[in-house]
Amino acid sequence: MARVKTIKIKDKPSNLDQFPNFSSSGSIKGMKDKFYGQDALLVRCGSYIYNVSAEESIYYSKAY
């Protein structure tokens, strides 16, 4: 299924807002199917989920 990692709001990178995002109440599977692709790297921070595929270091080193 869809894998999403999390970043605490207090640890939010300053550039996170530049990435495409959607509400955490939305469908992760639907966004991957229709817009981002199955290999998209998604990170949840607060009430939003961000597509950080353009900067993989956020997904692999800052998120858990």
N, C-alpha and C. Protein backbone atom coordinates (compact mmCIF):
# COMPACT_ATOMS: atom_id res chain seq x y z
N MET A 1 0.84 -1.19 0.00
CA MET A 1 0.00 0.00 0.00
C MET A 1 0.88 1.25 0.00
N ALA A 2 0.26 2.37 0.08
CA ALA A 2 0.97 3.64 0.01
C ALA A 2 1.80 3.86 1.27
N ARG A 3 3.05 4.18 1.10
CA ARG A 3 3.95 4.43 2.22
C ARG A 3 4.15 5.93 2.37
N VAL A 4 3.86 6.44 3.56
CA VAL A 4 4.04 7.85 3.88
C VAL A 4 4.84 7.93 5.16
N LYS A 5 5.90 8.72 5.16
CA LYS A 5 6.66 8.95 6.37
C LYS A 5 6.18 10.24 7.02
N THR A 6 6.60 10.48 8.25
CA THR A 6 6.12 11.63 9.02
C THR A 6 7.27 12.50 9.47
N ILE A 7 7.02 13.80 9.52
CA ILE A 7 7.94 14.77 10.10
C ILE A 7 7.13 15.57 11.12
N LYS A 8 7.65 15.70 12.32
CA LYS A 8 6.98 16.51 13.33
C LYS A 8 7.01 17.98 12.91
N ILE A 9 5.98 18.72 13.28
CA ILE A 9 5.90 20.13 12.91
C ILE A 9 7.11 20.91 13.42
N LYS A 10 7.58 20.58 14.61
CA LYS A 10 8.74 21.30 15.16
C LYS A 10 10.02 21.02 14.37
N ASP A 11 10.06 19.91 13.62
CA ASP A 11 11.24 19.55 12.82
C ASP A 11 11.05 19.85 11.33
N LYS A 12 9.98 20.54 10.98
CA LYS A 12 9.64 20.82 9.58
C LYS A 12 10.75 21.62 8.89
N PRO A 13 11.26 21.11 7.76
CA PRO A 13 12.25 21.87 7.00
C PRO A 13 11.64 23.16 6.46
N SER A 14 12.41 24.23 6.41
CA SER A 14 11.88 25.53 5.99
C SER A 14 11.39 25.53 4.54
N ASN A 15 11.92 24.63 3.71
CA ASN A 15 11.54 24.61 2.30
C ASN A 15 10.40 23.64 1.99
N LEU A 16 9.81 23.03 2.97
CA LEU A 16 8.78 22.01 2.74
C LEU A 16 7.56 22.58 2.02
N ASP A 17 7.23 23.84 2.28
CA ASP A 17 6.05 24.45 1.68
C ASP A 17 6.17 24.63 0.16
N GLN A 18 7.35 24.50 -0.38
CA GLN A 18 7.52 24.67 -1.83
C GLN A 18 7.07 23.43 -2.61
N PHE A 19 6.86 22.32 -1.95
CA PHE A 19 6.51 21.08 -2.62
C PHE A 19 5.00 20.94 -2.77
N PRO A 20 4.56 20.21 -3.82
CA PRO A 20 3.12 19.97 -3.98
C PRO A 20 2.57 19.25 -2.75
N ASN A 21 1.35 19.63 -2.36
CA ASN A 21 0.78 19.01 -1.16
C ASN A 21 -0.72 18.87 -1.28
N PHE A 22 -1.29 18.07 -0.38
CA PHE A 22 -2.73 17.91 -0.29
C PHE A 22 -3.07 17.61 1.16
N SER A 23 -4.32 17.78 1.50
CA SER A 23 -4.78 17.56 2.87
C SER A 23 -4.61 16.10 3.28
N SER A 24 -4.28 15.89 4.53
CA SER A 24 -4.09 14.52 5.01
C SER A 24 -5.40 13.75 5.03
N SER A 25 -6.53 14.41 4.86
CA SER A 25 -7.81 13.71 4.78
C SER A 25 -8.07 13.17 3.38
N GLY A 26 -7.21 13.55 2.43
CA GLY A 26 -7.35 13.08 1.05
C GLY A 26 -6.84 11.66 0.87
N SER A 27 -7.04 11.12 -0.31
CA SER A 27 -6.64 9.75 -0.60
C SER A 27 -5.21 9.69 -1.14
N ILE A 28 -4.34 9.04 -0.39
CA ILE A 28 -2.96 8.88 -0.82
C ILE A 28 -2.91 8.03 -2.09
N LYS A 29 -3.64 6.94 -2.10
CA LYS A 29 -3.66 6.07 -3.27
C LYS A 29 -4.17 6.82 -4.49
N GLY A 30 -5.22 7.60 -4.32
CA GLY A 30 -5.77 8.37 -5.44
C GLY A 30 -4.79 9.40 -5.98
N MET A 31 -4.09 10.09 -5.10
CA MET A 31 -3.11 11.10 -5.54
C MET A 31 -1.95 10.44 -6.28
N LYS A 32 -1.51 9.28 -5.80
CA LYS A 32 -0.44 8.57 -6.49
C LYS A 32 -0.91 8.06 -7.85
N ASP A 33 -2.13 7.54 -7.91
CA ASP A 33 -2.67 7.01 -9.17
C ASP A 33 -2.88 8.11 -10.21
N LYS A 34 -3.41 9.25 -9.79
CA LYS A 34 -3.80 10.29 -10.74
C LYS A 34 -2.75 11.35 -11.01
N PHE A 35 -1.88 11.65 -10.04
CA PHE A 35 -1.00 12.79 -10.19
C PHE A 35 0.48 12.51 -10.01
N TYR A 36 0.87 11.83 -8.94
CA TYR A 36 2.27 11.75 -8.57
C TYR A 36 3.01 10.53 -9.08
N GLY A 37 2.32 9.46 -9.36
CA GLY A 37 2.98 8.20 -9.74
C GLY A 37 3.22 7.33 -8.53
N GLN A 38 3.33 6.04 -8.75
CA GLN A 38 3.45 5.07 -7.66
C GLN A 38 4.77 5.18 -6.89
N ASP A 39 5.80 5.77 -7.48
CA ASP A 39 7.10 5.89 -6.82
C ASP A 39 7.27 7.21 -6.07
N ALA A 40 6.21 8.00 -5.95
CA ALA A 40 6.29 9.29 -5.27
C ALA A 40 6.70 9.11 -3.81
N LEU A 41 7.52 10.02 -3.33
CA LEU A 41 7.96 10.02 -1.93
C LEU A 41 7.09 11.02 -1.18
N LEU A 42 6.23 10.53 -0.31
CA LEU A 42 5.28 11.38 0.41
C LEU A 42 5.63 11.48 1.88
N VAL A 43 5.50 12.70 2.41
CA VAL A 43 5.81 12.98 3.81
C VAL A 43 4.64 13.73 4.42
N ARG A 44 4.17 13.26 5.58
CA ARG A 44 3.10 13.93 6.31
C ARG A 44 3.71 14.86 7.34
N CYS A 45 3.22 16.10 7.36
CA CYS A 45 3.64 17.07 8.37
C CYS A 45 2.41 17.89 8.73
N GLY A 46 1.99 17.79 9.97
CA GLY A 46 0.77 18.47 10.38
C GLY A 46 -0.42 17.88 9.66
N SER A 47 -1.24 18.72 9.07
CA SER A 47 -2.44 18.24 8.39
C SER A 47 -2.27 18.17 6.88
N TYR A 48 -1.03 18.16 6.40
CA TYR A 48 -0.77 18.07 4.97
C TYR A 48 0.20 16.94 4.65
N ILE A 49 0.09 16.45 3.43
CA ILE A 49 1.01 15.45 2.91
C ILE A 49 1.72 16.07 1.72
N TYR A 50 3.04 16.05 1.74
CA TYR A 50 3.85 16.70 0.72
C TYR A 50 4.52 15.66 -0.16
N ASN A 51 4.63 15.96 -1.45
CA ASN A 51 5.36 15.12 -2.39
C ASN A 51 6.78 15.67 -2.48
N VAL A 52 7.72 15.01 -1.82
CA VAL A 52 9.10 15.48 -1.76
C VAL A 52 10.03 14.70 -2.70
N SER A 53 9.48 14.15 -3.76
CA SER A 53 10.27 13.36 -4.70
C SER A 53 11.44 14.14 -5.29
N ALA A 54 11.28 15.46 -5.43
CA ALA A 54 12.33 16.29 -6.00
C ALA A 54 13.51 16.47 -5.05
N GLU A 55 13.30 16.23 -3.77
CA GLU A 55 14.38 16.35 -2.78
C GLU A 55 14.33 15.13 -1.85
N GLU A 56 14.88 14.04 -2.32
CA GLU A 56 14.80 12.75 -1.64
C GLU A 56 15.40 12.77 -0.24
N SER A 57 16.32 13.67 0.03
CA SER A 57 16.98 13.71 1.34
C SER A 57 15.97 13.97 2.46
N ILE A 58 14.91 14.72 2.17
CA ILE A 58 13.89 14.96 3.19
C ILE A 58 13.22 13.64 3.56
N TYR A 59 12.88 12.83 2.58
CA TYR A 59 12.20 11.55 2.81
C TYR A 59 13.10 10.56 3.52
N TYR A 60 14.35 10.48 3.08
CA TYR A 60 15.23 9.43 3.60
C TYR A 60 15.97 9.79 4.88
N SER A 61 16.20 11.08 5.15
CA SER A 61 16.99 11.39 6.34
C SER A 61 16.21 12.16 7.42
N LYS A 62 15.19 12.92 7.06
CA LYS A 62 14.50 13.73 8.07
C LYS A 62 13.19 13.12 8.53
N ALA A 63 12.59 12.28 7.71
CA ALA A 63 11.29 11.72 8.06
C ALA A 63 11.47 10.34 8.69
N TYR A 64 10.49 9.92 9.43
CA TYR A 64 10.53 8.60 10.06
C TYR A 64 9.26 7.84 9.77
